[in-house]
Amino acid sequence: MIQQYEEKLLNLIDTMVETASDDELFAGGYLRGHISLSAANCEMDGISSLEAMNAAVETSLAEAQSELTPADQLIVKAMWDQLQQGAQ
């Protein structure tokens, strides 16, 4: 279930590429790593809950927030929210 959810999220990012702004391209690329890492960790830990997967991505983003400016943090957060809605 986690793998399918990860694929759905990554496909949503891929479909945005043609029409995405520079900010959206940045956020999508940035999120890909966090999504894939979180999915791998969930699968390794035997977690199949999508809520737990979303929480893992949010935790990963929170731990890495010093990598981004406050403005970029907002862009990434908005993209993450959009992806979650689109994947449901």
PDB file of N, CA and C in Angstrom:
ATOM      1  N   MET A   1       0.821  -1.195   0.000  1.00  0.00           N
ATOM      2  CA  MET A   1       0.000   0.000   0.000  1.00  0.00           C
ATOM      3  C   MET A   1       0.871   1.269   0.000  1.00  0.00           C
ATOM      4  N   ILE A   2       1.942   1.234   0.797  1.00  0.00           N
ATOM      5  CA  ILE A   2       2.848   2.380   0.850  1.00  0.00           C
ATOM      6  C   ILE A   2       3.503   2.599  -0.517  1.00  0.00           C
ATOM      7  N   GLN A   3       3.905   1.520  -1.154  1.00  0.00           N
ATOM      8  CA  GLN A   3       4.577   1.639  -2.448  1.00  0.00           C
ATOM      9  C   GLN A   3       3.647   2.277  -3.486  1.00  0.00           C
ATOM     10  N   GLN A   4       2.386   1.872  -3.489  1.00  0.00           N
ATOM     11  CA  GLN A   4       1.438   2.446  -4.443  1.00  0.00           C
ATOM     12  C   GLN A   4       1.207   3.928  -4.154  1.00  0.00           C
ATOM     13  N   TYR A   5       1.153   4.270  -2.882  1.00  0.00           N
ATOM     14  CA  TYR A   5       0.959   5.662  -2.489  1.00  0.00           C
ATOM     15  C   TYR A   5       2.168   6.497  -2.916  1.00  0.00           C
ATOM     16  N   GLU A   6       3.361   5.966  -2.677  1.00  0.00           N
ATOM     17  CA  GLU A   6       4.580   6.652  -3.101  1.00  0.00           C
ATOM     18  C   GLU A   6       4.553   6.879  -4.610  1.00  0.00           C
ATOM     19  N   GLU A   7       4.203   5.842  -5.368  1.00  0.00           N
ATOM     20  CA  GLU A   7       4.149   5.966  -6.826  1.00  0.00           C
ATOM     21  C   GLU A   7       3.141   7.021  -7.255  1.00  0.00           C
ATOM     22  N   LYS A   8       2.007   7.055  -6.581  1.00  0.00           N
ATOM     23  CA  LYS A   8       0.979   8.040  -6.914  1.00  0.00           C
ATOM     24  C   LYS A   8       1.495   9.461  -6.663  1.00  0.00           C
ATOM     25  N   LEU A   9       2.149   9.666  -5.521  1.00  0.00           N
ATOM     26  CA  LEU A   9       2.699  10.984  -5.204  1.00  0.00           C
ATOM     27  C   LEU A   9       3.755  11.390  -6.229  1.00  0.00           C
ATOM     28  N   LEU A  10       4.655  10.466  -6.546  1.00  0.00           N
ATOM     29  CA  LEU A  10       5.726  10.777  -7.506  1.00  0.00           C
ATOM     30  C   LEU A  10       5.169  11.015  -8.910  1.00  0.00           C
ATOM     31  N   ASN A  11       4.125  10.278  -9.274  1.00  0.00           N
ATOM     32  CA  ASN A  11       3.477  10.507 -10.574  1.00  0.00           C
ATOM     33  C   ASN A  11       2.831  11.882 -10.635  1.00  0.00           C
ATOM     34  N   LEU A  12       2.241  12.308  -9.527  1.00  0.00           N
ATOM     35  CA  LEU A  12       1.658  13.655  -9.489  1.00  0.00           C
ATOM     36  C   LEU A  12       2.737  14.710  -9.725  1.00  0.00           C
ATOM     37  N   ILE A  13       3.891  14.513  -9.111  1.00  0.00           N
ATOM     38  CA  ILE A  13       5.007  15.438  -9.324  1.00  0.00           C
ATOM     39  C   ILE A  13       5.419  15.415 -10.793  1.00  0.00           C
ATOM     40  N   ASP A  14       5.542  14.214 -11.360  1.00  0.00           N
ATOM     41  CA  ASP A  14       5.967  14.084 -12.760  1.00  0.00           C
ATOM     42  C   ASP A  14       4.997  14.761 -13.720  1.00  0.00           C
ATOM     43  N   THR A  15       3.697  14.658 -13.456  1.00  0.00           N
ATOM     44  CA  THR A  15       2.719  15.258 -14.363  1.00  0.00           C
ATOM     45  C   THR A  15       2.713  16.784 -14.282  1.00  0.00           C
ATOM     46  N   MET A  16       3.222  17.329 -13.202  1.00  0.00           N
ATOM     47  CA  MET A  16       3.271  18.789 -13.052  1.00  0.00           C
ATOM     48  C   MET A  16       4.415  19.418 -13.839  1.00  0.00           C
ATOM     49  N   VAL A  17       5.404  18.622 -14.191  1.00  0.00           N
ATOM     50  CA  VAL A  17       6.644  19.154 -14.768  1.00  0.00           C
ATOM     51  C   VAL A  17       6.386  20.035 -15.986  1.00  0.00           C
ATOM     52  N   GLU A  18       5.478  19.636 -16.842  1.00  0.00           N
ATOM     53  CA  GLU A  18       5.251  20.379 -18.082  1.00  0.00           C
ATOM     54  C   GLU A  18       4.699  21.781 -17.854  1.00  0.00           C
ATOM     55  N   THR A  19       3.926  21.955 -16.787  1.00  0.00           N
ATOM     56  CA  THR A  19       3.278  23.243 -16.566  1.00  0.00           C
ATOM     57  C   THR A  19       3.730  23.940 -15.287  1.00  0.00           C
ATOM     58  N   ALA A  20       4.664  23.341 -14.565  1.00  0.00           N
ATOM     59  CA  ALA A  20       5.054  23.862 -13.254  1.00  0.00           C
ATOM     60  C   ALA A  20       5.912  25.121 -13.371  1.00  0.00           C
ATOM     61  N   SER A  21       5.760  25.969 -12.366  1.00  0.00           N
ATOM     62  CA  SER A  21       6.639  27.137 -12.244  1.00  0.00           C
ATOM     63  C   SER A  21       7.993  26.667 -11.707  1.00  0.00           C
ATOM     64  N   ASP A  22       8.963  27.560 -11.713  1.00  0.00           N
ATOM     65  CA  ASP A  22      10.276  27.220 -11.164  1.00  0.00           C
ATOM     66  C   ASP A  22      10.166  26.807  -9.697  1.00  0.00           C
ATOM     67  N   ASP A  23       9.337  27.514  -8.936  1.00  0.00           N
ATOM     68  CA  ASP A  23       9.145  27.179  -7.523  1.00  0.00           C
ATOM     69  C   ASP A  23       8.537  25.791  -7.359  1.00  0.00           C
ATOM     70  N   GLU A  24       7.570  25.469  -8.203  1.00  0.00           N
ATOM     71  CA  GLU A  24       6.932  24.151  -8.131  1.00  0.00           C
ATOM     72  C   GLU A  24       7.902  23.043  -8.537  1.00  0.00           C
ATOM     73  N   LEU A  25       8.725  23.309  -9.522  1.00  0.00           N
ATOM     74  CA  LEU A  25       9.733  22.327  -9.922  1.00  0.00           C
ATOM     75  C   LEU A  25      10.722  22.078  -8.783  1.00  0.00           C
ATOM     76  N   PHE A  26      11.145  23.162  -8.135  1.00  0.00           N
ATOM     77  CA  PHE A  26      12.049  23.029  -6.998  1.00  0.00           C
ATOM     78  C   PHE A  26      11.402  22.202  -5.889  1.00  0.00           C
ATOM     79  N   ALA A  27      10.172  22.562  -5.523  1.00  0.00           N
ATOM     80  CA  ALA A  27       9.480  21.873  -4.426  1.00  0.00           C
ATOM     81  C   ALA A  27       9.249  20.402  -4.762  1.00  0.00           C
ATOM     82  N   GLY A  28       8.867  20.129  -5.989  1.00  0.00           N
ATOM     83  CA  GLY A  28       8.648  18.749  -6.407  1.00  0.00           C
ATOM     84  C   GLY A  28       9.919  17.922  -6.319  1.00  0.00           C
ATOM     85  N   GLY A  29      11.010  18.474  -6.799  1.00  0.00           N
ATOM     86  CA  GLY A  29      12.285  17.784  -6.728  1.00  0.00           C
ATOM     87  C   GLY A  29      12.732  17.560  -5.296  1.00  0.00           C
ATOM     88  N   TYR A  30      12.540  18.563  -4.482  1.00  0.00           N
ATOM     89  CA  TYR A  30      12.911  18.472  -3.072  1.00  0.00           C
ATOM     90  C   TYR A  30      12.074  17.407  -2.360  1.00  0.00           C
ATOM     91  N   LEU A  31      10.785  17.405  -2.636  1.00  0.00           N
ATOM     92  CA  LEU A  31       9.888  16.458  -1.980  1.00  0.00           C
ATOM     93  C   LEU A  31      10.117  15.013  -2.408  1.00  0.00           C
ATOM     94  N   ARG A  32      10.547  14.807  -3.642  1.00  0.00           N
ATOM     95  CA  ARG A  32      10.781  13.432  -4.134  1.00  0.00           C
ATOM     96  C   ARG A  32      11.669  12.649  -3.175  1.00  0.00           C
ATOM     97  N   GLY A  33      12.759  13.255  -2.755  1.00  0.00           N
ATOM     98  CA  GLY A  33      13.679  12.562  -1.855  1.00  0.00           C
ATOM     99  C   GLY A  33      13.049  12.244  -0.519  1.00  0.00           C
ATOM    100  N   HIS A  34      12.326  13.190   0.034  1.00  0.00           N
ATOM    101  CA  HIS A  34      11.680  12.976   1.328  1.00  0.00           C
ATOM    102  C   HIS A  34      10.586  11.906   1.229  1.00  0.00           C
ATOM    103  N   ILE A  35       9.841  11.918   0.140  1.00  0.00           N
ATOM    104  CA  ILE A  35       8.770  10.927  -0.057  1.00  0.00           C
ATOM    105  C   ILE A  35       9.374   9.532  -0.202  1.00  0.00           C
ATOM    106  N   SER A  36      10.380   9.401  -1.044  1.00  0.00           N
ATOM    107  CA  SER A  36      10.981   8.082  -1.281  1.00  0.00           C
ATOM    108  C   SER A  36      11.653   7.537  -0.028  1.00  0.00           C
ATOM    109  N   LEU A  37      12.374   8.382   0.683  1.00  0.00           N
ATOM    110  CA  LEU A  37      13.030   7.948   1.912  1.00  0.00           C
ATOM    111  C   LEU A  37      12.001   7.531   2.960  1.00  0.00           C
ATOM    112  N   SER A  38      10.959   8.307   3.111  1.00  0.00           N
ATOM    113  CA  SER A  38       9.924   7.989   4.093  1.00  0.00           C
ATOM    114  C   SER A  38       9.207   6.697   3.735  1.00  0.00           C
ATOM    115  N   ALA A  39       8.931   6.500   2.453  1.00  0.00           N
ATOM    116  CA  ALA A  39       8.266   5.267   2.016  1.00  0.00           C
ATOM    117  C   ALA A  39       9.159   4.061   2.291  1.00  0.00           C
ATOM    118  N   ALA A  40      10.435   4.187   1.986  1.00  0.00           N
ATOM    119  CA  ALA A  40      11.368   3.082   2.230  1.00  0.00           C
ATOM    120  C   ALA A  40      11.450   2.758   3.719  1.00  0.00           C
ATOM    121  N   ASN A  41      11.504   3.789   4.558  1.00  0.00           N
ATOM    122  CA  ASN A  41      11.562   3.564   5.999  1.00  0.00           C
ATOM    123  C   ASN A  41      10.292   2.907   6.517  1.00  0.00           C
ATOM    124  N   CYS A  42       9.146   3.339   6.014  1.00  0.00           N
ATOM    125  CA  CYS A  42       7.877   2.733   6.429  1.00  0.00           C
ATOM    126  C   CYS A  42       7.833   1.258   6.039  1.00  0.00           C
ATOM    127  N   GLU A  43       8.215   0.961   4.818  1.00  0.00           N
ATOM    128  CA  GLU A  43       8.192  -0.434   4.364  1.00  0.00           C
ATOM    129  C   GLU A  43       9.171  -1.287   5.162  1.00  0.00           C
ATOM    130  N   MET A  44      10.341  -0.733   5.448  1.00  0.00           N
ATOM    131  CA  MET A  44      11.343  -1.465   6.217  1.00  0.00           C
ATOM    132  C   MET A  44      10.840  -1.749   7.635  1.00  0.00           C
ATOM    133  N   ASP A  45      10.060  -0.811   8.192  1.00  0.00           N
ATOM    134  CA  ASP A  45       9.531  -0.961   9.540  1.00  0.00           C
ATOM    135  C   ASP A  45       8.191  -1.686   9.571  1.00  0.00           C
ATOM    136  N   GLY A  46       7.704  -2.125   8.406  1.00  0.00           N
ATOM    137  CA  GLY A  46       6.440  -2.847   8.345  1.00  0.00           C
ATOM    138  C   GLY A  46       5.213  -1.978   8.555  1.00  0.00           C
ATOM    139  N   ILE A  47       5.350  -0.700   8.285  1.00  0.00           N
ATOM    140  CA  ILE A  47       4.240   0.254   8.447  1.00  0.00           C
ATOM    141  C   ILE A  47       3.488   0.345   7.128  1.00  0.00           C
ATOM    142  N   SER A  48       2.165   0.173   7.181  1.00  0.00           N
ATOM    143  CA  SER A  48       1.378   0.235   5.949  1.00  0.00           C
ATOM    144  C   SER A  48       0.331   1.347   5.968  1.00  0.00           C
ATOM    145  N   SER A  49       0.274   2.101   7.029  1.00  0.00           N
ATOM    146  CA  SER A  49      -0.699   3.176   7.170  1.00  0.00           C
ATOM    147  C   SER A  49      -0.272   4.402   6.372  1.00  0.00           C
ATOM    148  N   LEU A  50      -1.178   4.906   5.545  1.00  0.00           N
ATOM    149  CA  LEU A  50      -0.875   6.114   4.774  1.00  0.00           C
ATOM    150  C   LEU A  50      -0.708   7.321   5.684  1.00  0.00           C
ATOM    151  N   GLU A  51      -1.448   7.335   6.782  1.00  0.00           N
ATOM    152  CA  GLU A  51      -1.315   8.425   7.753  1.00  0.00           C
ATOM    153  C   GLU A  51       0.092   8.422   8.343  1.00  0.00           C
ATOM    154  N   ALA A  52       0.610   7.224   8.639  1.00  0.00           N
ATOM    155  CA  ALA A  52       1.968   7.116   9.176  1.00  0.00           C
ATOM    156  C   ALA A  52       2.989   7.546   8.127  1.00  0.00           C
ATOM    157  N   MET A  53       2.736   7.219   6.887  1.00  0.00           N
ATOM    158  CA  MET A  53       3.624   7.631   5.793  1.00  0.00           C
ATOM    159  C   MET A  53       3.641   9.155   5.680  1.00  0.00           C
ATOM    160  N   ASN A  54       2.464   9.770   5.712  1.00  0.00           N
ATOM    161  CA  ASN A  54       2.388  11.229   5.656  1.00  0.00           C
ATOM    162  C   ASN A  54       3.120  11.850   6.839  1.00  0.00           C
ATOM    163  N   ALA A  55       2.944  11.264   8.022  1.00  0.00           N
ATOM    164  CA  ALA A  55       3.626  11.770   9.216  1.00  0.00           C
ATOM    165  C   ALA A  55       5.136  11.631   9.066  1.00  0.00           C
ATOM    166  N   ALA A  56       5.594  10.547   8.461  1.00  0.00           N
ATOM    167  CA  ALA A  56       7.032  10.341   8.254  1.00  0.00           C
ATOM    168  C   ALA A  56       7.601  11.407   7.314  1.00  0.00           C
ATOM    169  N   VAL A  57       6.861  11.732   6.269  1.00  0.00           N
ATOM    170  CA  VAL A  57       7.315  12.787   5.351  1.00  0.00           C
ATOM    171  C   VAL A  57       7.368  14.122   6.093  1.00  0.00           C
ATOM    172  N   GLU A  58       6.347  14.409   6.872  1.00  0.00           N
ATOM    173  CA  GLU A  58       6.310  15.672   7.617  1.00  0.00           C
ATOM    174  C   GLU A  58       7.465  15.757   8.603  1.00  0.00           C
ATOM    175  N   THR A  59       7.776  14.647   9.263  1.00  0.00           N
ATOM    176  CA  THR A  59       8.904  14.611  10.196  1.00  0.00           C
ATOM    177  C   THR A  59      10.214  14.836   9.449  1.00  0.00           C
ATOM    178  N   SER A  60      10.356  14.191   8.304  1.00  0.00           N
ATOM    179  CA  SER A  60      11.557  14.351   7.491  1.00  0.00           C
ATOM    180  C   SER A  60      11.723  15.807   7.059  1.00  0.00           C
ATOM    181  N   LEU A  61      10.641  16.420   6.641  1.00  0.00           N
ATOM    182  CA  LEU A  61      10.693  17.827   6.235  1.00  0.00           C
ATOM    183  C   LEU A  61      11.040  18.729   7.415  1.00  0.00           C
ATOM    184  N   ALA A  62      10.462  18.452   8.563  1.00  0.00           N
ATOM    185  CA  ALA A  62      10.732  19.259   9.754  1.00  0.00           C
ATOM    186  C   ALA A  62      12.198  19.158  10.166  1.00  0.00           C
ATOM    187  N   GLU A  63      12.748  17.959  10.083  1.00  0.00           N
ATOM    188  CA  GLU A  63      14.152  17.756  10.459  1.00  0.00           C
ATOM    189  C   GLU A  63      15.105  18.454   9.498  1.00  0.00           C
ATOM    190  N   ALA A  64      14.669  18.671   8.276  1.00  0.00           N
ATOM    191  CA  ALA A  64      15.523  19.279   7.254  1.00  0.00           C
ATOM    192  C   ALA A  64      15.197  20.751   7.004  1.00  0.00           C
ATOM    193  N   GLN A  65      14.344  21.343   7.817  1.00  0.00           N
ATOM    194  CA  GLN A  65      13.895  22.701   7.519  1.00  0.00           C
ATOM    195  C   GLN A  65      15.027  23.728   7.507  1.00  0.00           C
ATOM    196  N   SER A  66      16.120  23.445   8.185  1.00  0.00           N
ATOM    197  CA  SER A  66      17.242  24.397   8.164  1.00  0.00           C
ATOM    198  C   SER A  66      17.905  24.462   6.789  1.00  0.00           C
ATOM    199  N   GLU A  67      17.607  23.497   5.918  1.00  0.00           N
ATOM    200  CA  GLU A  67      18.153  23.504   4.555  1.00  0.00           C
ATOM    201  C   GLU A  67      17.488  24.560   3.677  1.00  0.00           C
ATOM    202  N   LEU A  68      16.299  25.000   4.084  1.00  0.00           N
ATOM    203  CA  LEU A  68      15.498  25.890   3.243  1.00  0.00           C
ATOM    204  C   LEU A  68      15.293  27.251   3.893  1.00  0.00           C
ATOM    205  N   THR A  69      15.134  28.247   3.063  1.00  0.00           N
ATOM    206  CA  THR A  69      14.741  29.562   3.568  1.00  0.00           C
ATOM    207  C   THR A  69      13.279  29.478   4.007  1.00  0.00           C
ATOM    208  N   PRO A  70      12.834  30.399   4.839  1.00  0.00           N
ATOM    209  CA  PRO A  70      11.413  30.391   5.217  1.00  0.00           C
ATOM    210  C   PRO A  70      10.474  30.443   4.012  1.00  0.00           C
ATOM    211  N   ALA A  71      10.832  31.198   2.989  1.00  0.00           N
ATOM    212  CA  ALA A  71       9.987  31.284   1.790  1.00  0.00           C
ATOM    213  C   ALA A  71       9.923  29.924   1.088  1.00  0.00           C
ATOM    214  N   ASP A  72      11.072  29.253   0.963  1.00  0.00           N
ATOM    215  CA  ASP A  72      11.092  27.937   0.330  1.00  0.00           C
ATOM    216  C   ASP A  72      10.336  26.906   1.165  1.00  0.00           C
ATOM    217  N   GLN A  73      10.399  27.035   2.477  1.00  0.00           N
ATOM    218  CA  GLN A  73       9.644  26.140   3.347  1.00  0.00           C
ATOM    219  C   GLN A  73       8.150  26.234   3.049  1.00  0.00           C
ATOM    220  N   LEU A  74       7.672  27.439   2.844  1.00  0.00           N
ATOM    221  CA  LEU A  74       6.252  27.634   2.528  1.00  0.00           C
ATOM    222  C   LEU A  74       5.891  27.013   1.182  1.00  0.00           C
ATOM    223  N   ILE A  75       6.770  27.158   0.212  1.00  0.00           N
ATOM    224  CA  ILE A  75       6.526  26.586  -1.116  1.00  0.00           C
ATOM    225  C   ILE A  75       6.467  25.068  -1.038  1.00  0.00           C
ATOM    226  N   VAL A  76       7.419  24.480  -0.315  1.00  0.00           N
ATOM    227  CA  VAL A  76       7.455  23.021  -0.166  1.00  0.00           C
ATOM    228  C   VAL A  76       6.223  22.535   0.594  1.00  0.00           C
ATOM    229  N   LYS A  77       5.845  23.239   1.652  1.00  0.00           N
ATOM    230  CA  LYS A  77       4.666  22.847   2.442  1.00  0.00           C
ATOM    231  C   LYS A  77       3.406  22.906   1.582  1.00  0.00           C
ATOM    232  N   ALA A  78       3.271  23.946   0.784  1.00  0.00           N
ATOM    233  CA  ALA A  78       2.095  24.075  -0.083  1.00  0.00           C
ATOM    234  C   ALA A  78       2.051  22.933  -1.102  1.00  0.00           C
ATOM    235  N   MET A  79       3.196  22.596  -1.667  1.00  0.00           N
ATOM    236  CA  MET A  79       3.260  21.494  -2.628  1.00  0.00           C
ATOM    237  C   MET A  79       2.928  20.170  -1.942  1.00  0.00           C
ATOM    238  N   TRP A  80       3.447  19.958  -0.747  1.00  0.00           N
ATOM    239  CA  TRP A  80       3.173  18.720  -0.010  1.00  0.00           C
ATOM    240  C   TRP A  80       1.670  18.599   0.267  1.00  0.00           C
ATOM    241  N   ASP A  81       1.051  19.678   0.697  1.00  0.00           N
ATOM    242  CA  ASP A  81      -0.399  19.669   0.945  1.00  0.00           C
ATOM    243  C   ASP A  81      -1.161  19.341  -0.336  1.00  0.00           C
ATOM    244  N   GLN A  82      -0.744  19.944  -1.441  1.00  0.00           N
ATOM    245  CA  GLN A  82      -1.390  19.712  -2.734  1.00  0.00           C
ATOM    246  C   GLN A  82      -1.240  18.247  -3.162  1.00  0.00           C
ATOM    247  N   LEU A  83      -0.056  17.685  -2.973  1.00  0.00           N
ATOM    248  CA  LEU A  83       0.182  16.293  -3.345  1.00  0.00           C
ATOM    249  C   LEU A  83      -0.684  15.336  -2.520  1.00  0.00           C
ATOM    250  N   GLN A  84      -0.774  15.599  -1.224  1.00  0.00           N
ATOM    251  CA  GLN A  84      -1.589  14.731  -0.372  1.00  0.00           C
ATOM    252  C   GLN A  84      -3.047  14.746  -0.821  1.00  0.00           C
ATOM    253  N   GLN A  85      -3.548  15.931  -1.146  1.00  0.00           N
ATOM    254  CA  GLN A  85      -4.936  16.037  -1.606  1.00  0.00           C
ATOM    255  C   GLN A  85      -5.118  15.322  -2.932  1.00  0.00           C
ATOM    256  N   GLY A  86      -4.167  15.474  -3.830  1.00  0.00           N
ATOM    257  CA  GLY A  86      -4.255  14.852  -5.140  1.00  0.00           C
ATOM    258  C   GLY A  86      -4.128  13.341  -5.108  1.00  0.00           C
ATOM    259  N   ALA A  87      -3.457  12.811  -4.106  1.00  0.00           N
ATOM    260  CA  ALA A  87      -3.237  11.374  -4.014  1.00  0.00           C
ATOM    261  C   ALA A  87      -4.394  10.628  -3.361  1.00  0.00           C
ATOM    262  N   GLN A  88      -5.326  11.355  -2.794  1.00  0.00           N
ATOM    263  CA  GLN A  88      -6.446  10.695  -2.110  1.00  0.00           C
ATOM    264  C   GLN A  88      -7.536  10.282  -3.058  1.00  0.00           C
TER     265      GLN A  88
END
